[in-house]
Amino acid sequence: MTDRAYEIIGEDRGGRWLVTCDHATNRVPDWVAGGDLGIAAEDMARHIAYDVGAAGVTKALAERLGSPAILTDFSRLVIDPNRGEDDPTLVMRLYDGTIIPANRAAGPEAVEERLSRLHRPYHAALARLAARRPDTVILAIHSFTPRLNGRPPRPWQIGVLYSHIDARLSQVLLARLAREADLCTGDNEPYLGHLPGDSVDRHALKPGRHNTLIELRNDLIATPEQQAAWAERLTPILEAALAEVAG
């Protein structure tokens, strides 16, 4: 593994799911601006740096689904693995009102180093895991903040994101979540679910794999207990949705 670009959990598990977490940690490698992007610790602890709580949910879901998981081990502020290499938001200079000083000074050579040491190794490992069996299903786990700066509160507890290219699993999953009376579920909320070159596009849509992306509101998965509870709740719903759509 190069520069701790990723972590793989349960590679020997036989299940057909591959649970991914693109924004698992807020780690900044020491070779990137001395390990400090120049923003306050409280900013590095919030959603702009990583998907709070998503790693714990990812690991718990993968265990319950009997399937492997892959998680990044670098902050999205260093380089965003859920963006194509030519995406203008690959290295963010400004995020939710916070300027990222180390990124404002990052030129093409610095970006290329981050790509070669972090972004590309993660995607190579993800591609290898996805190819381990012909019927792999990609389950991408993310989290979202209850409220962006200057924006209204977000009411959804969970969102299901998908592309018009292949919404089969996500539509069935949405229908099943709609039966959960206590849940406010977002249909392609709080974001639209397809960005050309993103992880799902690259590893699921282009190869034709079943896929879905789940966004959980991060105040609901702040503790290990909450993460485990959501994984326990979602596992049978995901399994039933996949059985319905894929047999």
C-alpha atoms as a PDB file:
ATOM      1  CA  MET A   1       0.000   0.000   0.000  1.00  0.00           C
ATOM      2  CA  THR A   2       1.380   3.403  -0.976  1.00  0.00           C
ATOM      3  CA  ASP A   3       1.487   6.176   1.646  1.00  0.00           C
ATOM      4  CA  ARG A   4      -1.443   4.666   3.543  1.00  0.00           C
ATOM      5  CA  ALA A   5      -3.778   5.673   0.760  1.00  0.00           C
ATOM      6  CA  TYR A   6      -6.458   3.222   1.845  1.00  0.00           C
ATOM      7  CA  GLU A   7      -7.536   0.519   4.282  1.00  0.00           C
ATOM      8  CA  ILE A   8      -9.132  -2.768   3.288  1.00  0.00           C
ATOM      9  CA  ILE A   9     -11.343  -4.644   5.749  1.00  0.00           C
ATOM     10  CA  GLY A  10     -12.428  -8.258   5.288  1.00  0.00           C
ATOM     11  CA  GLU A  11     -10.821  -8.921   1.931  1.00  0.00           C
ATOM     12  CA  ASP A  12     -11.383 -12.657   2.427  1.00  0.00           C
ATOM     13  CA  ARG A  13     -15.145 -12.284   2.930  1.00  0.00           C
ATOM     14  CA  GLY A  14     -17.167 -13.908   0.180  1.00  0.00           C
ATOM     15  CA  GLY A  15     -20.198 -11.609  -0.087  1.00  0.00           C
ATOM     16  CA  ARG A  16     -21.011  -9.864  -3.345  1.00  0.00           C
ATOM     17  CA  TRP A  17     -21.174  -6.372  -1.854  1.00  0.00           C
ATOM     18  CA  LEU A  18     -18.176  -4.050  -1.881  1.00  0.00           C
ATOM     19  CA  VAL A  19     -18.692  -1.300   0.668  1.00  0.00           C
ATOM     20  CA  THR A  20     -16.706   1.840  -0.077  1.00  0.00           C
ATOM     21  CA  CYS A  21     -15.955   4.970   1.921  1.00  0.00           C
ATOM     22  CA  ASP A  22     -14.319   7.673  -0.179  1.00  0.00           C
ATOM     23  CA  HIS A  23     -14.069  10.215   2.636  1.00  0.00           C
ATOM     24  CA  ALA A  24     -13.216   8.061   5.634  1.00  0.00           C
ATOM     25  CA  THR A  25     -10.557  10.108   7.455  1.00  0.00           C
ATOM     26  CA  ASN A  26      -9.223  13.628   7.891  1.00  0.00           C
ATOM     27  CA  ARG A  27      -5.553  12.578   7.806  1.00  0.00           C
ATOM     28  CA  VAL A  28      -3.083  14.851   6.022  1.00  0.00           C
ATOM     29  CA  PRO A  29       0.154  13.024   5.059  1.00  0.00           C
ATOM     30  CA  ASP A  30       3.259  14.717   6.382  1.00  0.00           C
ATOM     31  CA  TRP A  31       4.601  15.188   2.857  1.00  0.00           C
ATOM     32  CA  VAL A  32       1.628  17.462   2.069  1.00  0.00           C
ATOM     33  CA  ALA A  33       2.464  20.923   3.450  1.00  0.00           C
ATOM     34  CA  GLY A  34       4.142  19.304   6.451  1.00  0.00           C
ATOM     35  CA  GLY A  35       0.900  17.574   7.391  1.00  0.00           C
ATOM     36  CA  ASP A  36      -0.963  20.857   7.931  1.00  0.00           C
ATOM     37  CA  LEU A  37      -3.265  22.444   5.354  1.00  0.00           C
ATOM     38  CA  GLY A  38      -3.292  25.704   7.294  1.00  0.00           C
ATOM     39  CA  ILE A  39      -6.821  25.566   8.660  1.00  0.00           C
ATOM     40  CA  ALA A  40      -8.034  25.355  12.240  1.00  0.00           C
ATOM     41  CA  ALA A  41      -8.352  22.035  14.045  1.00  0.00           C
ATOM     42  CA  GLU A  42     -12.096  22.549  14.378  1.00  0.00           C
ATOM     43  CA  ASP A  43     -12.366  22.831  10.602  1.00  0.00           C
ATOM     44  CA  MET A  44     -10.353  19.640  10.137  1.00  0.00           C
ATOM     45  CA  ALA A  45     -12.837  17.930  12.481  1.00  0.00           C
ATOM     46  CA  ARG A  46     -15.919  18.828  10.442  1.00  0.00           C
ATOM     47  CA  HIS A  47     -17.475  17.677   7.206  1.00  0.00           C
ATOM     48  CA  ILE A  48     -15.242  19.702   4.908  1.00  0.00           C
ATOM     49  CA  ALA A  49     -12.302  17.428   5.787  1.00  0.00           C
ATOM     50  CA  TYR A  50     -14.055  14.034   5.810  1.00  0.00           C
ATOM     51  CA  ASP A  51     -17.419  12.305   6.102  1.00  0.00           C
ATOM     52  CA  VAL A  52     -17.948  12.260   9.847  1.00  0.00           C
ATOM     53  CA  GLY A  53     -19.118   8.850  11.072  1.00  0.00           C
ATOM     54  CA  ALA A  54     -19.059   7.207   7.649  1.00  0.00           C
ATOM     55  CA  ALA A  55     -16.058   4.967   8.325  1.00  0.00           C
ATOM     56  CA  GLY A  56     -17.713   3.303  11.312  1.00  0.00           C
ATOM     57  CA  VAL A  57     -20.917   2.676   9.374  1.00  0.00           C
ATOM     58  CA  THR A  58     -18.918   1.294   6.444  1.00  0.00           C
ATOM     59  CA  LYS A  59     -17.040  -1.213   8.596  1.00  0.00           C
ATOM     60  CA  ALA A  60     -20.159  -2.289  10.476  1.00  0.00           C
ATOM     61  CA  LEU A  61     -22.178  -2.743   7.280  1.00  0.00           C
ATOM     62  CA  ALA A  62     -19.425  -4.717   5.568  1.00  0.00           C
ATOM     63  CA  GLU A  63     -19.207  -7.085   8.545  1.00  0.00           C
ATOM     64  CA  ARG A  64     -22.966  -7.643   8.611  1.00  0.00           C
ATOM     65  CA  LEU A  65     -23.115  -8.112   4.841  1.00  0.00           C
ATOM     66  CA  GLY A  66     -20.230 -10.576   4.949  1.00  0.00           C
ATOM     67  CA  SER A  67     -18.375  -8.514   2.382  1.00  0.00           C
ATOM     68  CA  PRO A  68     -15.174  -6.480   2.089  1.00  0.00           C
ATOM     69  CA  ALA A  69     -14.831  -2.754   2.553  1.00  0.00           C
ATOM     70  CA  ILE A  70     -12.312  -0.241   1.296  1.00  0.00           C
ATOM     71  CA  LEU A  71     -11.803   3.129   2.945  1.00  0.00           C
ATOM     72  CA  THR A  72      -9.526   6.025   2.066  1.00  0.00           C
ATOM     73  CA  ASP A  73      -6.895   7.128   4.564  1.00  0.00           C
ATOM     74  CA  PHE A  74      -6.453  10.770   3.552  1.00  0.00           C
ATOM     75  CA  SER A  75      -8.577  13.879   3.849  1.00  0.00           C
ATOM     76  CA  ARG A  76     -10.800  14.941   0.986  1.00  0.00           C
ATOM     77  CA  LEU A  77      -9.126  18.331   1.359  1.00  0.00           C
ATOM     78  CA  VAL A  78      -5.793  16.823   0.311  1.00  0.00           C
ATOM     79  CA  ILE A  79      -7.382  15.439  -2.849  1.00  0.00           C
ATOM     80  CA  ASP A  80     -10.930  14.210  -3.383  1.00  0.00           C
ATOM     81  CA  PRO A  81     -11.056  10.567  -4.502  1.00  0.00           C
ATOM     82  CA  ASN A  82     -14.719  10.992  -5.406  1.00  0.00           C
ATOM     83  CA  ARG A  83     -13.769  13.280  -8.300  1.00  0.00           C
ATOM     84  CA  GLY A  84     -12.310  12.540 -11.701  1.00  0.00           C
ATOM     85  CA  GLU A  85      -8.741  13.614 -12.294  1.00  0.00           C
ATOM     86  CA  ASP A  86      -9.847  16.499 -14.511  1.00  0.00           C
ATOM     87  CA  ASP A  87     -12.557  17.768 -12.149  1.00  0.00           C
ATOM     88  CA  PRO A  88     -12.001  21.408 -11.080  1.00  0.00           C
ATOM     89  CA  THR A  89     -13.007  20.503  -7.503  1.00  0.00           C
ATOM     90  CA  LEU A  90     -10.384  17.752  -7.220  1.00  0.00           C
ATOM     91  CA  VAL A  91      -8.323  19.943  -4.860  1.00  0.00           C
ATOM     92  CA  MET A  92     -10.527  22.444  -3.095  1.00  0.00           C
ATOM     93  CA  ARG A  93      -9.263  25.965  -2.416  1.00  0.00           C
ATOM     94  CA  LEU A  94     -12.467  27.048  -0.662  1.00  0.00           C
ATOM     95  CA  TYR A  95     -15.001  24.765   1.006  1.00  0.00           C
ATOM     96  CA  ASP A  96     -18.156  25.815   2.856  1.00  0.00           C
ATOM     97  CA  GLY A  97     -16.702  29.215   3.669  1.00  0.00           C
ATOM     98  CA  THR A  98     -13.238  27.999   4.719  1.00  0.00           C
ATOM     99  CA  ILE A  99     -10.161  28.909   2.661  1.00  0.00           C
ATOM    100  CA  ILE A 100      -7.602  26.094   2.411  1.00  0.00           C
ATOM    101  CA  PRO A 101      -4.222  27.903   2.376  1.00  0.00           C
ATOM    102  CA  ALA A 102      -2.059  24.909   1.435  1.00  0.00           C
ATOM    103  CA  ASN A 103      -4.301  24.187  -1.536  1.00  0.00           C
ATOM    104  CA  ARG A 104      -4.297  27.752  -2.823  1.00  0.00           C
ATOM    105  CA  ALA A 105      -0.549  27.344  -3.299  1.00  0.00           C
ATOM    106  CA  ALA A 106      -0.717  23.834  -4.800  1.00  0.00           C
ATOM    107  CA  GLY A 107       0.440  23.859  -8.409  1.00  0.00           C
ATOM    108  CA  PRO A 108       0.258  21.115 -11.062  1.00  0.00           C
ATOM    109  CA  GLU A 109       3.271  19.240  -9.670  1.00  0.00           C
ATOM    110  CA  ALA A 110       1.790  19.125  -6.171  1.00  0.00           C
ATOM    111  CA  VAL A 111      -1.550  17.915  -7.513  1.00  0.00           C
ATOM    112  CA  GLU A 112       0.179  15.243  -9.599  1.00  0.00           C
ATOM    113  CA  GLU A 113       2.029  13.993  -6.526  1.00  0.00           C
ATOM    114  CA  ARG A 114      -1.237  13.704  -4.605  1.00  0.00           C
ATOM    115  CA  LEU A 115      -2.798  11.869  -7.521  1.00  0.00           C
ATOM    116  CA  SER A 116       0.056   9.403  -7.861  1.00  0.00           C
ATOM    117  CA  ARG A 117       0.515   8.715  -4.145  1.00  0.00           C
ATOM    118  CA  LEU A 118      -3.104   8.735  -2.932  1.00  0.00           C
ATOM    119  CA  HIS A 119      -5.903   9.047  -5.491  1.00  0.00           C
ATOM    120  CA  ARG A 120      -4.690   6.507  -8.055  1.00  0.00           C
ATOM    121  CA  PRO A 121      -3.603   3.804  -5.553  1.00  0.00           C
ATOM    122  CA  TYR A 122      -7.016   3.963  -3.884  1.00  0.00           C
ATOM    123  CA  HIS A 123      -8.847   3.548  -7.165  1.00  0.00           C
ATOM    124  CA  ALA A 124      -6.535   0.764  -8.288  1.00  0.00           C
ATOM    125  CA  ALA A 125      -7.248  -1.148  -5.081  1.00  0.00           C
ATOM    126  CA  LEU A 126     -10.979  -0.495  -5.386  1.00  0.00           C
ATOM    127  CA  ALA A 127     -10.964  -1.766  -8.976  1.00  0.00           C
ATOM    128  CA  ARG A 128      -9.120  -4.914  -7.917  1.00  0.00           C
ATOM    129  CA  LEU A 129     -11.606  -5.660  -5.132  1.00  0.00           C
ATOM    130  CA  ALA A 130     -14.584  -4.978  -7.384  1.00  0.00           C
ATOM    131  CA  ALA A 131     -13.249  -7.469  -9.930  1.00  0.00           C
ATOM    132  CA  ARG A 132     -12.940 -10.298  -7.413  1.00  0.00           C
ATOM    133  CA  ARG A 133     -16.303 -11.700  -8.529  1.00  0.00           C
ATOM    134  CA  PRO A 134     -18.477 -10.988 -11.604  1.00  0.00           C
ATOM    135  CA  ASP A 135     -21.584  -9.927  -9.672  1.00  0.00           C
ATOM    136  CA  THR A 136     -20.056  -7.336  -7.326  1.00  0.00           C
ATOM    137  CA  VAL A 137     -22.450  -4.695  -6.014  1.00  0.00           C
ATOM    138  CA  ILE A 138     -20.994  -1.306  -5.097  1.00  0.00           C
ATOM    139  CA  LEU A 139     -22.378   0.231  -1.905  1.00  0.00           C
ATOM    140  CA  ALA A 140     -20.901   3.688  -1.337  1.00  0.00           C
ATOM    141  CA  ILE A 141     -21.274   5.186   2.140  1.00  0.00           C
ATOM    142  CA  HIS A 142     -21.093   8.935   2.768  1.00  0.00           C
ATOM    143  CA  SER A 143     -22.362  11.393   5.365  1.00  0.00           C
ATOM    144  CA  PHE A 144     -23.611  14.959   5.176  1.00  0.00           C
ATOM    145  CA  THR A 145     -23.751  17.878   7.555  1.00  0.00           C
ATOM    146  CA  PRO A 146     -27.158  18.869   8.976  1.00  0.00           C
ATOM    147  CA  ARG A 147     -26.644  22.392   7.687  1.00  0.00           C
ATOM    148  CA  LEU A 148     -24.226  24.188   5.398  1.00  0.00           C
ATOM    149  CA  ASN A 149     -23.131  27.694   6.351  1.00  0.00           C
ATOM    150  CA  GLY A 150     -25.856  30.178   5.515  1.00  0.00           C
ATOM    151  CA  ARG A 151     -28.219  27.474   4.266  1.00  0.00           C
ATOM    152  CA  PRO A 152     -31.463  26.093   5.735  1.00  0.00           C
ATOM    153  CA  PRO A 153     -31.394  22.910   7.850  1.00  0.00           C
ATOM    154  CA  ARG A 154     -31.500  19.652   5.949  1.00  0.00           C
ATOM    155  CA  PRO A 155     -34.474  17.525   7.028  1.00  0.00           C
ATOM    156  CA  TRP A 156     -33.325  14.175   5.673  1.00  0.00           C
ATOM    157  CA  GLN A 157     -31.903  11.526   7.947  1.00  0.00           C
ATOM    158  CA  ILE A 158     -30.749   9.404   5.044  1.00  0.00           C
ATOM    159  CA  GLY A 159     -30.404   9.987   1.339  1.00  0.00           C
ATOM    160  CA  VAL A 160     -30.164   7.530  -1.539  1.00  0.00           C
ATOM    161  CA  LEU A 161     -28.165   8.847  -4.467  1.00  0.00           C
ATOM    162  CA  TYR A 162     -28.087   7.372  -7.942  1.00  0.00           C
ATOM    163  CA  SER A 163     -27.606   8.053 -11.617  1.00  0.00           C
ATOM    164  CA  HIS A 164     -30.226   7.932 -14.344  1.00  0.00           C
ATOM    165  CA  ILE A 165     -27.819   5.567 -16.101  1.00  0.00           C
ATOM    166  CA  ASP A 166     -28.640   2.797 -13.611  1.00  0.00           C
ATOM    167  CA  ALA A 167     -31.121   3.476 -10.818  1.00  0.00           C
ATOM    168  CA  ARG A 168     -32.367  -0.097 -10.448  1.00  0.00           C
ATOM    169  CA  LEU A 169     -31.096  -0.912  -6.964  1.00  0.00           C
ATOM    170  CA  SER A 170     -31.530   2.620  -5.643  1.00  0.00           C
ATOM    171  CA  GLN A 171     -35.178   2.834  -6.681  1.00  0.00           C
ATOM    172  CA  VAL A 172     -35.997  -0.433  -4.945  1.00  0.00           C
ATOM    173  CA  LEU A 173     -34.042   0.693  -1.891  1.00  0.00           C
ATOM    174  CA  LEU A 174     -35.936   3.998  -1.817  1.00  0.00           C
ATOM    175  CA  ALA A 175     -39.263   2.167  -1.957  1.00  0.00           C
ATOM    176  CA  ARG A 176     -38.274   0.010   0.991  1.00  0.00           C
ATOM    177  CA  LEU A 177     -37.006   2.965   3.019  1.00  0.00           C
ATOM    178  CA  ALA A 178     -40.297   4.754   2.349  1.00  0.00           C
ATOM    179  CA  ARG A 179     -42.000   2.043   4.429  1.00  0.00           C
ATOM    180  CA  GLU A 180     -39.940   3.116   7.451  1.00  0.00           C
ATOM    181  CA  ALA A 181     -42.403   5.542   9.018  1.00  0.00           C
ATOM    182  CA  ASP A 182     -39.860   7.277  11.226  1.00  0.00           C
ATOM    183  CA  LEU A 183     -37.404   8.098   8.431  1.00  0.00           C
ATOM    184  CA  CYS A 184     -37.191  11.191   6.263  1.00  0.00           C
ATOM    185  CA  THR A 185     -35.448   9.830   3.187  1.00  0.00           C
ATOM    186  CA  GLY A 186     -33.945  11.958   0.443  1.00  0.00           C
ATOM    187  CA  ASP A 187     -34.410  10.879  -3.172  1.00  0.00           C
ATOM    188  CA  ASN A 188     -31.156  12.154  -4.727  1.00  0.00           C
ATOM    189  CA  GLU A 189     -30.913  14.510  -1.751  1.00  0.00           C
ATOM    190  CA  PRO A 190     -29.014  16.343  -0.361  1.00  0.00           C
ATOM    191  CA  TYR A 191     -27.044  16.027  -3.611  1.00  0.00           C
ATOM    192  CA  LEU A 192     -27.656  14.716  -7.091  1.00  0.00           C
ATOM    193  CA  GLY A 193     -26.222  11.262  -7.434  1.00  0.00           C
ATOM    194  CA  HIS A 194     -24.207  11.351 -10.631  1.00  0.00           C
ATOM    195  CA  LEU A 195     -20.999  13.194 -11.311  1.00  0.00           C
ATOM    196  CA  PRO A 196     -19.048  12.002 -14.353  1.00  0.00           C
ATOM    197  CA  GLY A 197     -15.747  10.539 -13.223  1.00  0.00           C
ATOM    198  CA  ASP A 198     -16.766   9.992  -9.607  1.00  0.00           C
ATOM    199  CA  SER A 199     -16.234   6.675  -7.837  1.00  0.00           C
ATOM    200  CA  VAL A 200     -19.619   5.146  -8.637  1.00  0.00           C
ATOM    201  CA  ASP A 201     -19.354   6.266 -12.249  1.00  0.00           C
ATOM    202  CA  ARG A 202     -15.910   4.735 -12.550  1.00  0.00           C
ATOM    203  CA  HIS A 203     -16.378   1.457 -10.689  1.00  0.00           C
ATOM    204  CA  ALA A 204     -20.094   0.704 -11.077  1.00  0.00           C
ATOM    205  CA  LEU A 205     -21.775   2.569 -13.923  1.00  0.00           C
ATOM    206  CA  LYS A 206     -19.099   2.087 -16.557  1.00  0.00           C
ATOM    207  CA  PRO A 207     -18.582  -1.651 -15.782  1.00  0.00           C
ATOM    208  CA  GLY A 208     -22.355  -2.182 -15.437  1.00  0.00           C
ATOM    209  CA  ARG A 209     -22.431  -3.210 -11.777  1.00  0.00           C
ATOM    210  CA  HIS A 210     -25.421  -2.830  -9.477  1.00  0.00           C
ATOM    211  CA  ASN A 211     -24.817   0.101  -7.194  1.00  0.00           C
ATOM    212  CA  THR A 212     -26.233   2.595  -4.749  1.00  0.00           C
ATOM    213  CA  LEU A 213     -24.891   5.442  -2.656  1.00  0.00           C
ATOM    214  CA  ILE A 214     -26.161   6.134   0.855  1.00  0.00           C
ATOM    215  CA  GLU A 215     -25.761   9.487   2.602  1.00  0.00           C
ATOM    216  CA  LEU A 216     -26.390   9.581   6.364  1.00  0.00           C
ATOM    217  CA  ARG A 217     -26.761  12.815   8.326  1.00  0.00           C
ATOM    218  CA  ASN A 218     -23.625  12.996  10.395  1.00  0.00           C
ATOM    219  CA  ASP A 219     -25.233  14.044  13.685  1.00  0.00           C
ATOM    220  CA  LEU A 220     -27.011  10.673  13.633  1.00  0.00           C
ATOM    221  CA  ILE A 221     -23.815   8.618  13.283  1.00  0.00           C
ATOM    222  CA  ALA A 222     -21.482  10.510  15.611  1.00  0.00           C
ATOM    223  CA  THR A 223     -20.827   7.602  18.000  1.00  0.00           C
ATOM    224  CA  PRO A 224     -19.862   3.948  17.496  1.00  0.00           C
ATOM    225  CA  GLU A 225     -23.205   2.949  18.976  1.00  0.00           C
ATOM    226  CA  GLN A 226     -25.116   5.050  16.443  1.00  0.00           C
ATOM    227  CA  GLN A 227     -22.990   3.735  13.599  1.00  0.00           C
ATOM    228  CA  ALA A 228     -23.639   0.135  14.630  1.00  0.00           C
ATOM    229  CA  ALA A 229     -27.364   0.792  15.021  1.00  0.00           C
ATOM    230  CA  TRP A 230     -27.672   2.228  11.512  1.00  0.00           C
ATOM    231  CA  ALA A 231     -25.701  -0.654  10.050  1.00  0.00           C
ATOM    232  CA  GLU A 232     -27.951  -3.154  11.824  1.00  0.00           C
ATOM    233  CA  ARG A 233     -31.049  -1.374  10.575  1.00  0.00           C
ATOM    234  CA  LEU A 234     -29.890  -0.986   6.983  1.00  0.00           C
ATOM    235  CA  THR A 235     -28.471  -4.481   6.461  1.00  0.00           C
ATOM    236  CA  PRO A 236     -31.776  -6.371   6.028  1.00  0.00           C
ATOM    237  CA  ILE A 237     -33.213  -3.543   3.927  1.00  0.00           C
ATOM    238  CA  LEU A 238     -30.206  -3.620   1.598  1.00  0.00           C
ATOM    239  CA  GLU A 239     -30.266  -7.405   1.344  1.00  0.00           C
ATOM    240  CA  ALA A 240     -33.976  -7.447   0.535  1.00  0.00           C
ATOM    241  CA  ALA A 241     -33.576  -4.672  -2.055  1.00  0.00           C
ATOM    242  CA  LEU A 242     -30.768  -6.528  -3.799  1.00  0.00           C
ATOM    243  CA  ALA A 243     -32.710  -9.793  -3.771  1.00  0.00           C
ATOM    244  CA  GLU A 244     -35.663  -8.012  -5.370  1.00  0.00           C
ATOM    245  CA  VAL A 245     -33.695  -6.361  -8.135  1.00  0.00           C
ATOM    246  CA  ALA A 246     -31.014  -8.944  -8.830  1.00  0.00           C
ATOM    247  CA  GLY A 247     -32.458 -12.231  -7.675  1.00  0.00           C
END
